[in-house]
Amino acid sequence: MKYIDDLRIGDVLMTGRHTFNTEEIKAFARRFDPQPFHLDEEAAAQSHFGALCASGWQTAAVWMRLLIDYRRAETDAMIARGEPVAVNGPALGFRDLKWQKPVYVGDVVDYKTVVTEVRFSNSRPDYGLMTTLTTGVNQNGVTVISFISTNFVERRPNSA
């Protein structure tokens, strides 16, 4: 992870891509969101969705997994280049979470995070606050999930 001092408004992280399949949609739903339109094709066909679709919570959980994988790869690359790595987190939360369109079986969702605000923390001078807008867009260019998040990111040593 870059230091907050090196982040700029408009920086983009292409977090990753995921294809949603029947088995994982049902497995997630059985465990965390057991509504009929996530579990059963016939029930889903009779619902307002018209077909089996992923839980919105699953679309968020997939993003989280991809983000962790992205950060791990970025950190490994920075270490391999001999660059220092900043501490990221904790997160302060999410706002404006929107599940804008259903995610159906076979949908491919690309997750992207854009830095929208960077500021230094008054209460924690060794850290700054990074606010981002994350979106998930399906293979048809339709946004299926979006949310804003803010989290602490370490400042460069001796820069506070």
C-alpha atoms as a PDB file:
ATOM      1  CA  MET A   1       0.000   0.000   0.000  1.00  0.00           C
ATOM      2  CA  LYS A   2       1.181   3.485  -0.808  1.00  0.00           C
ATOM      3  CA  TYR A   3       1.533   6.092   1.903  1.00  0.00           C
ATOM      4  CA  ILE A   4      -1.268   8.640   2.179  1.00  0.00           C
ATOM      5  CA  ASP A   5       1.286  11.278   1.089  1.00  0.00           C
ATOM      6  CA  ASP A   6       1.580   9.519  -2.291  1.00  0.00           C
ATOM      7  CA  LEU A   7      -2.138   9.072  -2.995  1.00  0.00           C
ATOM      8  CA  ARG A   8      -3.980  11.483  -5.269  1.00  0.00           C
ATOM      9  CA  ILE A   9      -7.625  12.184  -5.950  1.00  0.00           C
ATOM     10  CA  GLY A  10      -8.515  10.207  -9.048  1.00  0.00           C
ATOM     11  CA  ASP A  11      -6.087   7.341  -8.398  1.00  0.00           C
ATOM     12  CA  VAL A  12      -7.719   4.109  -9.596  1.00  0.00           C
ATOM     13  CA  LEU A  13      -7.352   0.573  -8.254  1.00  0.00           C
ATOM     14  CA  MET A  14      -8.713  -2.115 -10.540  1.00  0.00           C
ATOM     15  CA  THR A  15      -9.401  -4.482  -7.679  1.00  0.00           C
ATOM     16  CA  GLY A  16     -10.364  -7.513  -9.707  1.00  0.00           C
ATOM     17  CA  ARG A  17     -12.935  -9.453 -11.703  1.00  0.00           C
ATOM     18  CA  HIS A  18     -15.273 -12.228 -10.666  1.00  0.00           C
ATOM     19  CA  THR A  19     -17.701 -14.500 -12.504  1.00  0.00           C
ATOM     20  CA  PHE A  20     -20.719 -15.512 -10.418  1.00  0.00           C
ATOM     21  CA  ASN A  21     -21.856 -19.116 -10.836  1.00  0.00           C
ATOM     22  CA  THR A  22     -24.850 -21.096  -9.639  1.00  0.00           C
ATOM     23  CA  GLU A  23     -23.040 -23.201  -7.070  1.00  0.00           C
ATOM     24  CA  GLU A  24     -21.382 -20.307  -5.252  1.00  0.00           C
ATOM     25  CA  ILE A  25     -24.535 -18.161  -5.326  1.00  0.00           C
ATOM     26  CA  LYS A  26     -26.501 -20.946  -3.655  1.00  0.00           C
ATOM     27  CA  ALA A  27     -23.721 -21.807  -1.189  1.00  0.00           C
ATOM     28  CA  PHE A  28     -23.420 -18.184  -0.069  1.00  0.00           C
ATOM     29  CA  ALA A  29     -27.195 -17.867   0.188  1.00  0.00           C
ATOM     30  CA  ARG A  30     -27.570 -21.068   2.223  1.00  0.00           C
ATOM     31  CA  ARG A  31     -25.063 -19.747   4.721  1.00  0.00           C
ATOM     32  CA  PHE A  32     -25.757 -16.009   4.843  1.00  0.00           C
ATOM     33  CA  ASP A  33     -28.865 -14.904   2.906  1.00  0.00           C
ATOM     34  CA  PRO A  34     -31.318 -17.794   2.504  1.00  0.00           C
ATOM     35  CA  GLN A  35     -33.965 -16.052   0.455  1.00  0.00           C
ATOM     36  CA  PRO A  36     -35.720 -18.164  -2.211  1.00  0.00           C
ATOM     37  CA  PHE A  37     -34.505 -16.077  -5.181  1.00  0.00           C
ATOM     38  CA  HIS A  38     -30.892 -16.841  -4.150  1.00  0.00           C
ATOM     39  CA  LEU A  39     -31.498 -20.555  -3.570  1.00  0.00           C
ATOM     40  CA  ASP A  40     -33.955 -21.940  -6.086  1.00  0.00           C
ATOM     41  CA  GLU A  41     -34.272 -21.327  -9.827  1.00  0.00           C
ATOM     42  CA  GLU A  42     -38.038 -21.865  -9.878  1.00  0.00           C
ATOM     43  CA  ALA A  43     -38.683 -19.563  -6.936  1.00  0.00           C
ATOM     44  CA  ALA A  44     -36.342 -16.988  -8.458  1.00  0.00           C
ATOM     45  CA  ALA A  45     -38.190 -17.169 -11.794  1.00  0.00           C
ATOM     46  CA  GLN A  46     -41.415 -16.271  -9.951  1.00  0.00           C
ATOM     47  CA  SER A  47     -39.777 -13.393  -8.045  1.00  0.00           C
ATOM     48  CA  HIS A  48     -39.331  -9.785  -9.121  1.00  0.00           C
ATOM     49  CA  PHE A  49     -35.776 -10.762 -10.224  1.00  0.00           C
ATOM     50  CA  GLY A  50     -37.016 -13.315 -12.762  1.00  0.00           C
ATOM     51  CA  ALA A  51     -33.990 -15.592 -12.360  1.00  0.00           C
ATOM     52  CA  LEU A  52     -31.516 -16.852  -9.780  1.00  0.00           C
ATOM     53  CA  CYS A  53     -29.321 -13.986  -8.593  1.00  0.00           C
ATOM     54  CA  ALA A  54     -26.531 -13.387  -6.097  1.00  0.00           C
ATOM     55  CA  SER A  55     -27.112 -11.798  -2.735  1.00  0.00           C
ATOM     56  CA  GLY A  56     -26.027  -8.177  -2.627  1.00  0.00           C
ATOM     57  CA  TRP A  57     -23.987  -9.140   0.404  1.00  0.00           C
ATOM     58  CA  GLN A  58     -22.174 -11.681  -1.747  1.00  0.00           C
ATOM     59  CA  THR A  59     -21.256  -8.993  -4.278  1.00  0.00           C
ATOM     60  CA  ALA A  60     -19.759  -6.982  -1.408  1.00  0.00           C
ATOM     61  CA  ALA A  61     -17.960 -10.009   0.076  1.00  0.00           C
ATOM     62  CA  VAL A  62     -16.440 -10.874  -3.313  1.00  0.00           C
ATOM     63  CA  TRP A  63     -15.125  -7.297  -3.571  1.00  0.00           C
ATOM     64  CA  MET A  64     -13.540  -7.625  -0.112  1.00  0.00           C
ATOM     65  CA  ARG A  65     -11.763 -10.832  -1.102  1.00  0.00           C
ATOM     66  CA  LEU A  66     -10.500  -9.279  -4.336  1.00  0.00           C
ATOM     67  CA  LEU A  67      -9.326  -6.178  -2.470  1.00  0.00           C
ATOM     68  CA  ILE A  68      -7.302  -8.256  -0.010  1.00  0.00           C
ATOM     69  CA  ASP A  69      -5.753 -10.233  -2.870  1.00  0.00           C
ATOM     70  CA  TYR A  70      -4.986  -6.975  -4.738  1.00  0.00           C
ATOM     71  CA  ARG A  71      -3.333  -5.419  -1.685  1.00  0.00           C
ATOM     72  CA  ARG A  72      -1.319  -8.557  -0.999  1.00  0.00           C
ATOM     73  CA  ALA A  73       0.008  -8.605  -4.584  1.00  0.00           C
ATOM     74  CA  GLU A  74       0.745  -4.866  -4.472  1.00  0.00           C
ATOM     75  CA  THR A  75       2.593  -5.255  -1.161  1.00  0.00           C
ATOM     76  CA  ASP A  76       4.626  -8.205  -2.446  1.00  0.00           C
ATOM     77  CA  ALA A  77       5.605  -6.222  -5.566  1.00  0.00           C
ATOM     78  CA  MET A  78       6.620  -3.191  -3.494  1.00  0.00           C
ATOM     79  CA  ILE A  79       8.739  -5.342  -1.182  1.00  0.00           C
ATOM     80  CA  ALA A  80      10.381  -7.037  -4.199  1.00  0.00           C
ATOM     81  CA  ARG A  81      11.317  -3.573  -5.525  1.00  0.00           C
ATOM     82  CA  GLY A  82      12.709  -2.582  -2.121  1.00  0.00           C
ATOM     83  CA  GLU A  83       9.996   0.030  -1.525  1.00  0.00           C
ATOM     84  CA  PRO A  84       8.541   0.746   1.911  1.00  0.00           C
ATOM     85  CA  VAL A  85       4.943  -0.322   2.478  1.00  0.00           C
ATOM     86  CA  ALA A  86       2.413   1.762   4.400  1.00  0.00           C
ATOM     87  CA  VAL A  87      -0.064   0.423   6.928  1.00  0.00           C
ATOM     88  CA  ASN A  88      -3.647   0.581   5.681  1.00  0.00           C
ATOM     89  CA  GLY A  89      -6.601   0.609   8.033  1.00  0.00           C
ATOM     90  CA  PRO A  90      -8.634   0.469  10.055  1.00  0.00           C
ATOM     91  CA  ALA A  91     -11.659   1.290   7.957  1.00  0.00           C
ATOM     92  CA  LEU A  92     -14.129   3.782   9.385  1.00  0.00           C
ATOM     93  CA  GLY A  93     -17.069   2.262   7.563  1.00  0.00           C
ATOM     94  CA  PHE A  94     -19.160   2.436   4.430  1.00  0.00           C
ATOM     95  CA  ARG A  95     -21.894   4.767   3.307  1.00  0.00           C
ATOM     96  CA  ASP A  96     -24.237   5.021   0.361  1.00  0.00           C
ATOM     97  CA  LEU A  97     -24.094   1.268  -0.277  1.00  0.00           C
ATOM     98  CA  LYS A  98     -26.293   0.610  -3.297  1.00  0.00           C
ATOM     99  CA  TRP A  99     -27.124  -2.643  -4.994  1.00  0.00           C
ATOM    100  CA  GLN A 100     -28.163  -1.029  -8.246  1.00  0.00           C
ATOM    101  CA  LYS A 101     -28.908  -4.080 -10.394  1.00  0.00           C
ATOM    102  CA  PRO A 102     -29.107  -7.819  -9.745  1.00  0.00           C
ATOM    103  CA  VAL A 103     -26.109 -10.037 -10.376  1.00  0.00           C
ATOM    104  CA  TYR A 104     -27.257 -13.144 -12.233  1.00  0.00           C
ATOM    105  CA  VAL A 105     -25.611 -16.491 -12.870  1.00  0.00           C
ATOM    106  CA  GLY A 106     -22.805 -15.996 -15.374  1.00  0.00           C
ATOM    107  CA  ASP A 107     -22.416 -12.275 -14.760  1.00  0.00           C
ATOM    108  CA  VAL A 108     -18.827 -11.048 -14.733  1.00  0.00           C
ATOM    109  CA  VAL A 109     -18.271  -8.123 -12.392  1.00  0.00           C
ATOM    110  CA  ASP A 110     -15.223  -5.848 -12.536  1.00  0.00           C
ATOM    111  CA  TYR A 111     -14.551  -3.973  -9.296  1.00  0.00           C
ATOM    112  CA  LYS A 112     -12.893  -0.573  -9.371  1.00  0.00           C
ATOM    113  CA  THR A 113     -11.987   1.779  -6.540  1.00  0.00           C
ATOM    114  CA  VAL A 114     -11.310   5.478  -7.132  1.00  0.00           C
ATOM    115  CA  VAL A 115      -9.727   7.789  -4.544  1.00  0.00           C
ATOM    116  CA  THR A 116     -12.109  10.720  -4.015  1.00  0.00           C
ATOM    117  CA  GLU A 117     -10.543  12.443  -1.008  1.00  0.00           C
ATOM    118  CA  VAL A 118      -7.196  12.447   0.778  1.00  0.00           C
ATOM    119  CA  ARG A 119      -6.533  14.350   3.978  1.00  0.00           C
ATOM    120  CA  PHE A 120      -4.268  14.176   6.978  1.00  0.00           C
ATOM    121  CA  SER A 121      -5.689  13.184  10.350  1.00  0.00           C
ATOM    122  CA  ASN A 122      -5.736  15.691  13.194  1.00  0.00           C
ATOM    123  CA  SER A 123      -6.317  13.027  15.834  1.00  0.00           C
ATOM    124  CA  ARG A 124      -3.720  10.555  14.481  1.00  0.00           C
ATOM    125  CA  PRO A 125      -0.871  12.632  12.992  1.00  0.00           C
ATOM    126  CA  ASP A 126       0.954   9.547  11.662  1.00  0.00           C
ATOM    127  CA  TYR A 127      -2.056   8.724   9.470  1.00  0.00           C
ATOM    128  CA  GLY A 128      -4.303  10.253   6.887  1.00  0.00           C
ATOM    129  CA  LEU A 129      -7.810   9.484   5.739  1.00  0.00           C
ATOM    130  CA  MET A 130      -8.506   8.144   2.270  1.00  0.00           C
ATOM    131  CA  THR A 131     -12.070   8.183   0.957  1.00  0.00           C
ATOM    132  CA  THR A 132     -12.903   6.049  -2.060  1.00  0.00           C
ATOM    133  CA  LEU A 133     -15.799   5.254  -4.341  1.00  0.00           C
ATOM    134  CA  THR A 134     -16.004   1.584  -5.255  1.00  0.00           C
ATOM    135  CA  THR A 135     -18.121   0.264  -8.091  1.00  0.00           C
ATOM    136  CA  GLY A 136     -18.807  -3.149  -9.528  1.00  0.00           C
ATOM    137  CA  VAL A 137     -19.731  -3.153 -13.213  1.00  0.00           C
ATOM    138  CA  ASN A 138     -21.023  -6.184 -15.095  1.00  0.00           C
ATOM    139  CA  GLN A 139     -20.043  -7.415 -18.562  1.00  0.00           C
ATOM    140  CA  ASN A 140     -22.703  -5.139 -20.108  1.00  0.00           C
ATOM    141  CA  GLY A 141     -21.250  -1.991 -18.550  1.00  0.00           C
ATOM    142  CA  VAL A 142     -24.033  -1.792 -15.946  1.00  0.00           C
ATOM    143  CA  THR A 143     -23.120  -0.774 -12.400  1.00  0.00           C
ATOM    144  CA  VAL A 144     -24.413  -3.433 -10.006  1.00  0.00           C
ATOM    145  CA  ILE A 145     -22.923  -2.226  -6.692  1.00  0.00           C
ATOM    146  CA  SER A 146     -21.434   1.018  -5.415  1.00  0.00           C
ATOM    147  CA  PHE A 147     -20.372   2.415  -2.060  1.00  0.00           C
ATOM    148  CA  ILE A 148     -18.161   5.018  -0.434  1.00  0.00           C
ATOM    149  CA  SER A 149     -15.623   4.054   2.209  1.00  0.00           C
ATOM    150  CA  THR A 150     -13.062   5.848   4.341  1.00  0.00           C
ATOM    151  CA  ASN A 151     -10.059   4.360   6.041  1.00  0.00           C
ATOM    152  CA  PHE A 152      -6.834   5.329   7.707  1.00  0.00           C
ATOM    153  CA  VAL A 153      -3.583   5.094   5.714  1.00  0.00           C
ATOM    154  CA  GLU A 154      -0.158   5.608   7.231  1.00  0.00           C
ATOM    155  CA  ARG A 155       1.841   8.774   6.467  1.00  0.00           C
ATOM    156  CA  ARG A 156       5.463   8.606   5.410  1.00  0.00           C
ATOM    157  CA  PRO A 157       7.705   8.389   8.485  1.00  0.00           C
ATOM    158  CA  ASN A 158       8.802  11.793   9.775  1.00  0.00           C
ATOM    159  CA  SER A 159       6.311  13.647   7.566  1.00  0.00           C
ATOM    160  CA  ALA A 160       3.756  14.463  10.265  1.00  0.00           C
END
